[in-house]
Amino acid sequence: MHWTVVDSPIGDLTLAVDDTGLCRLHFGGTDRPLDTDPLLTEAAEQLKAYFAGELQEFALPLSVRGGSDFERAVWQQLTRIPYGEMQTYGEVAKIVGDAGAARAVGTACNRNPIAIVVPCHRVVGAGGKMVGFGGGIPTKRHLLELEARVSFETMWN
């Protein structure tokens, strides 16, 4: 795997790629040796465009490793939540076939190996409540506000 750290408006983001695609994106830095790779460069550029409000959908090959069947189903559903929109943990649970598994959806979101690109920040508690996020609630709020602002501006342009 190749690793890099990208500066962003929400702090350092650590990215990793393997032979298949982007396999890690987590908040904060890393102690791993940093490297260069064309896919890491592309991922960094797309993240820069996302934070500038210029990119609403990532076009990166993903390499999802691990996770239970349920977690993988949740992660797949996260990629279907449109930019600027949200679903509750309960809604995601129902969509993936287990309406009573809202807490398990939260656990799956917490274990999401490719944050932002697989947008776990778009999942909120019942009634839109800001709960649980690996990057912290202020980061979740920042990402949701960015997407809401860009969606609103796009609607009126």
Protein backbone atom coordinates (compact mmCIF):
# COMPACT_ATOMS: atom_id res chain seq x y z
CA MET A 1 0.00 0.00 0.00
CA HIS A 2 0.99 3.59 -0.59
CA TRP A 3 0.14 6.27 1.99
CA THR A 4 -0.03 10.05 2.03
CA VAL A 5 -1.37 12.81 4.25
CA VAL A 6 -3.47 15.61 2.76
CA ASP A 7 -4.12 18.96 4.42
CA SER A 8 -7.79 19.97 4.39
CA PRO A 9 -10.09 22.54 6.01
CA ILE A 10 -10.96 19.89 8.62
CA GLY A 11 -7.35 18.94 9.37
CA ASP A 12 -5.05 16.25 8.08
CA LEU A 13 -6.54 13.34 6.17
CA THR A 14 -4.60 10.11 5.69
CA LEU A 15 -5.14 8.30 2.40
CA ALA A 16 -3.98 4.87 1.31
CA VAL A 17 -4.21 3.05 -2.00
CA ASP A 18 -3.50 -0.51 -2.99
CA ASP A 19 -3.28 -2.12 -6.42
CA THR A 20 -7.06 -1.85 -6.84
CA GLY A 21 -7.98 1.60 -5.56
CA LEU A 22 -8.43 3.90 -2.60
CA CYS A 23 -8.65 1.66 0.46
CA ARG A 24 -8.31 4.08 3.40
CA LEU A 25 -9.26 7.65 4.16
CA HIS A 26 -9.24 8.57 7.82
CA PHE A 27 -9.01 11.69 9.91
CA GLY A 28 -5.62 12.73 11.26
CA GLY A 29 -2.08 11.89 10.29
CA THR A 30 -0.16 8.64 10.26
CA ASP A 31 3.16 7.23 11.41
CA ARG A 32 3.43 5.11 8.27
CA PRO A 33 6.05 6.03 5.68
CA LEU A 34 4.56 8.38 3.09
CA ASP A 35 4.75 7.61 -0.58
CA THR A 36 3.62 8.87 -3.96
CA ASP A 37 1.28 7.20 -6.36
CA PRO A 38 -0.81 8.57 -9.26
CA LEU A 39 -4.03 7.45 -7.56
CA LEU A 40 -3.04 9.20 -4.32
CA THR A 41 -2.41 12.36 -6.33
CA GLU A 42 -5.81 12.04 -8.02
CA ALA A 43 -7.57 11.40 -4.70
CA ALA A 44 -5.88 14.47 -3.17
CA GLU A 45 -6.96 16.61 -6.13
CA GLN A 46 -10.56 15.39 -5.90
CA LEU A 47 -10.62 16.08 -2.15
CA LYS A 48 -9.31 19.59 -2.78
CA ALA A 49 -12.09 20.15 -5.34
CA TYR A 50 -14.68 18.69 -2.93
CA PHE A 51 -13.67 21.10 -0.17
CA ALA A 52 -13.68 23.99 -2.66
CA GLY A 53 -17.29 23.13 -3.52
CA GLU A 54 -16.34 22.17 -7.08
CA LEU A 55 -16.87 18.38 -6.83
CA GLN A 56 -20.02 16.64 -5.70
CA GLU A 57 -19.25 13.07 -6.70
CA PHE A 58 -15.91 11.32 -6.37
CA ALA A 59 -14.66 9.33 -9.35
CA LEU A 60 -12.09 7.08 -7.73
CA PRO A 61 -11.68 3.32 -7.85
CA LEU A 62 -12.30 1.93 -4.37
CA SER A 63 -10.82 -1.11 -2.71
CA VAL A 64 -13.02 -2.05 0.21
CA ARG A 65 -11.28 -4.54 2.45
CA GLY A 66 -12.84 -6.40 5.34
CA GLY A 67 -16.13 -5.74 7.01
CA SER A 68 -19.02 -8.10 7.60
CA ASP A 69 -21.67 -8.60 4.93
CA PHE A 70 -23.90 -6.19 6.87
CA GLU A 71 -21.16 -3.53 7.11
CA ARG A 72 -20.41 -3.83 3.40
CA ALA A 73 -24.12 -3.42 2.62
CA VAL A 74 -24.21 -0.29 4.79
CA TRP A 75 -21.09 1.13 3.11
CA GLN A 76 -22.63 0.47 -0.30
CA GLN A 77 -25.81 2.28 0.77
CA LEU A 78 -23.78 5.26 1.98
CA THR A 79 -22.48 5.75 -1.57
CA ARG A 80 -26.11 6.03 -2.73
CA ILE A 81 -27.01 8.95 -0.43
CA PRO A 82 -27.00 11.98 -2.72
CA TYR A 83 -24.66 14.88 -2.12
CA GLY A 84 -26.25 17.43 0.18
CA GLU A 85 -28.82 14.96 1.53
CA MET A 86 -29.01 12.87 4.70
CA GLN A 87 -30.52 9.61 5.87
CA THR A 88 -31.05 8.48 9.44
CA TYR A 89 -29.41 5.39 10.88
CA GLY A 90 -32.88 3.83 10.98
CA GLU A 91 -33.54 4.61 7.31
CA VAL A 92 -30.24 3.04 6.28
CA ALA A 93 -31.01 -0.03 8.43
CA LYS A 94 -34.38 -0.45 6.72
CA ILE A 95 -32.87 -0.04 3.24
CA VAL A 96 -30.22 -2.70 3.88
CA GLY A 97 -32.89 -5.10 5.13
CA ASP A 98 -32.84 -4.94 8.93
CA ALA A 99 -35.15 -2.19 10.17
CA GLY A 100 -34.18 -2.80 13.79
CA ALA A 101 -30.45 -2.43 13.23
CA ALA A 102 -29.98 1.34 13.56
CA ARG A 103 -27.23 0.88 16.18
CA ALA A 104 -25.46 -1.64 13.95
CA VAL A 105 -25.56 0.93 11.15
CA GLY A 106 -23.82 3.36 13.51
CA THR A 107 -21.14 0.76 14.20
CA ALA A 108 -20.71 0.13 10.47
CA CYS A 109 -20.36 3.86 9.86
CA ASN A 110 -17.73 4.04 12.60
CA ARG A 111 -15.81 1.23 10.87
CA ASN A 112 -16.07 2.81 7.39
CA PRO A 113 -12.52 2.60 6.01
CA ILE A 114 -12.99 5.34 3.39
CA ALA A 115 -14.50 8.36 5.13
CA ILE A 116 -15.86 11.29 3.08
CA VAL A 117 -15.66 9.37 -0.22
CA VAL A 118 -17.97 6.74 1.30
CA PRO A 119 -20.03 9.46 2.98
CA CYS A 120 -20.84 8.26 6.49
CA HIS A 121 -21.18 11.93 7.47
CA ARG A 122 -24.54 11.96 5.63
CA VAL A 123 -26.06 9.59 8.21
CA VAL A 124 -27.69 11.29 11.18
CA GLY A 125 -29.77 10.34 14.18
CA ALA A 126 -33.55 10.38 14.28
CA GLY A 127 -34.95 13.84 13.61
CA GLY A 128 -31.66 14.97 12.02
CA LYS A 129 -29.79 14.86 15.32
CA MET A 130 -26.00 15.11 15.06
CA VAL A 131 -24.69 11.96 16.71
CA GLY A 132 -21.58 9.83 16.50
CA PHE A 133 -18.90 10.50 13.94
CA GLY A 134 -15.32 9.25 13.86
CA GLY A 135 -14.03 12.67 12.84
CA GLY A 136 -16.01 14.40 15.59
CA ILE A 137 -19.35 16.21 15.49
CA PRO A 138 -17.79 19.58 14.44
CA THR A 139 -16.25 17.84 11.40
CA LYS A 140 -19.54 16.15 10.54
CA ARG A 141 -21.31 19.51 10.81
CA HIS A 142 -18.66 21.15 8.59
CA LEU A 143 -19.08 18.51 5.87
CA LEU A 144 -22.88 18.68 5.95
CA GLU A 145 -22.87 22.49 5.92
CA LEU A 146 -20.43 22.51 2.98
CA GLU A 147 -22.67 20.18 1.00
CA ALA A 148 -25.86 22.07 1.92
CA ARG A 149 -24.29 25.40 0.89
CA VAL A 150 -22.99 24.04 -2.42
CA SER A 151 -26.35 22.34 -3.15
CA PHE A 152 -28.20 25.57 -2.44
CA GLU A 153 -25.83 27.65 -4.58
CA THR A 154 -26.01 25.12 -7.43
CA MET A 155 -29.81 25.19 -7.31
CA TRP A 156 -29.86 28.96 -7.87
CA ASN A 157 -27.16 29.20 -10.54
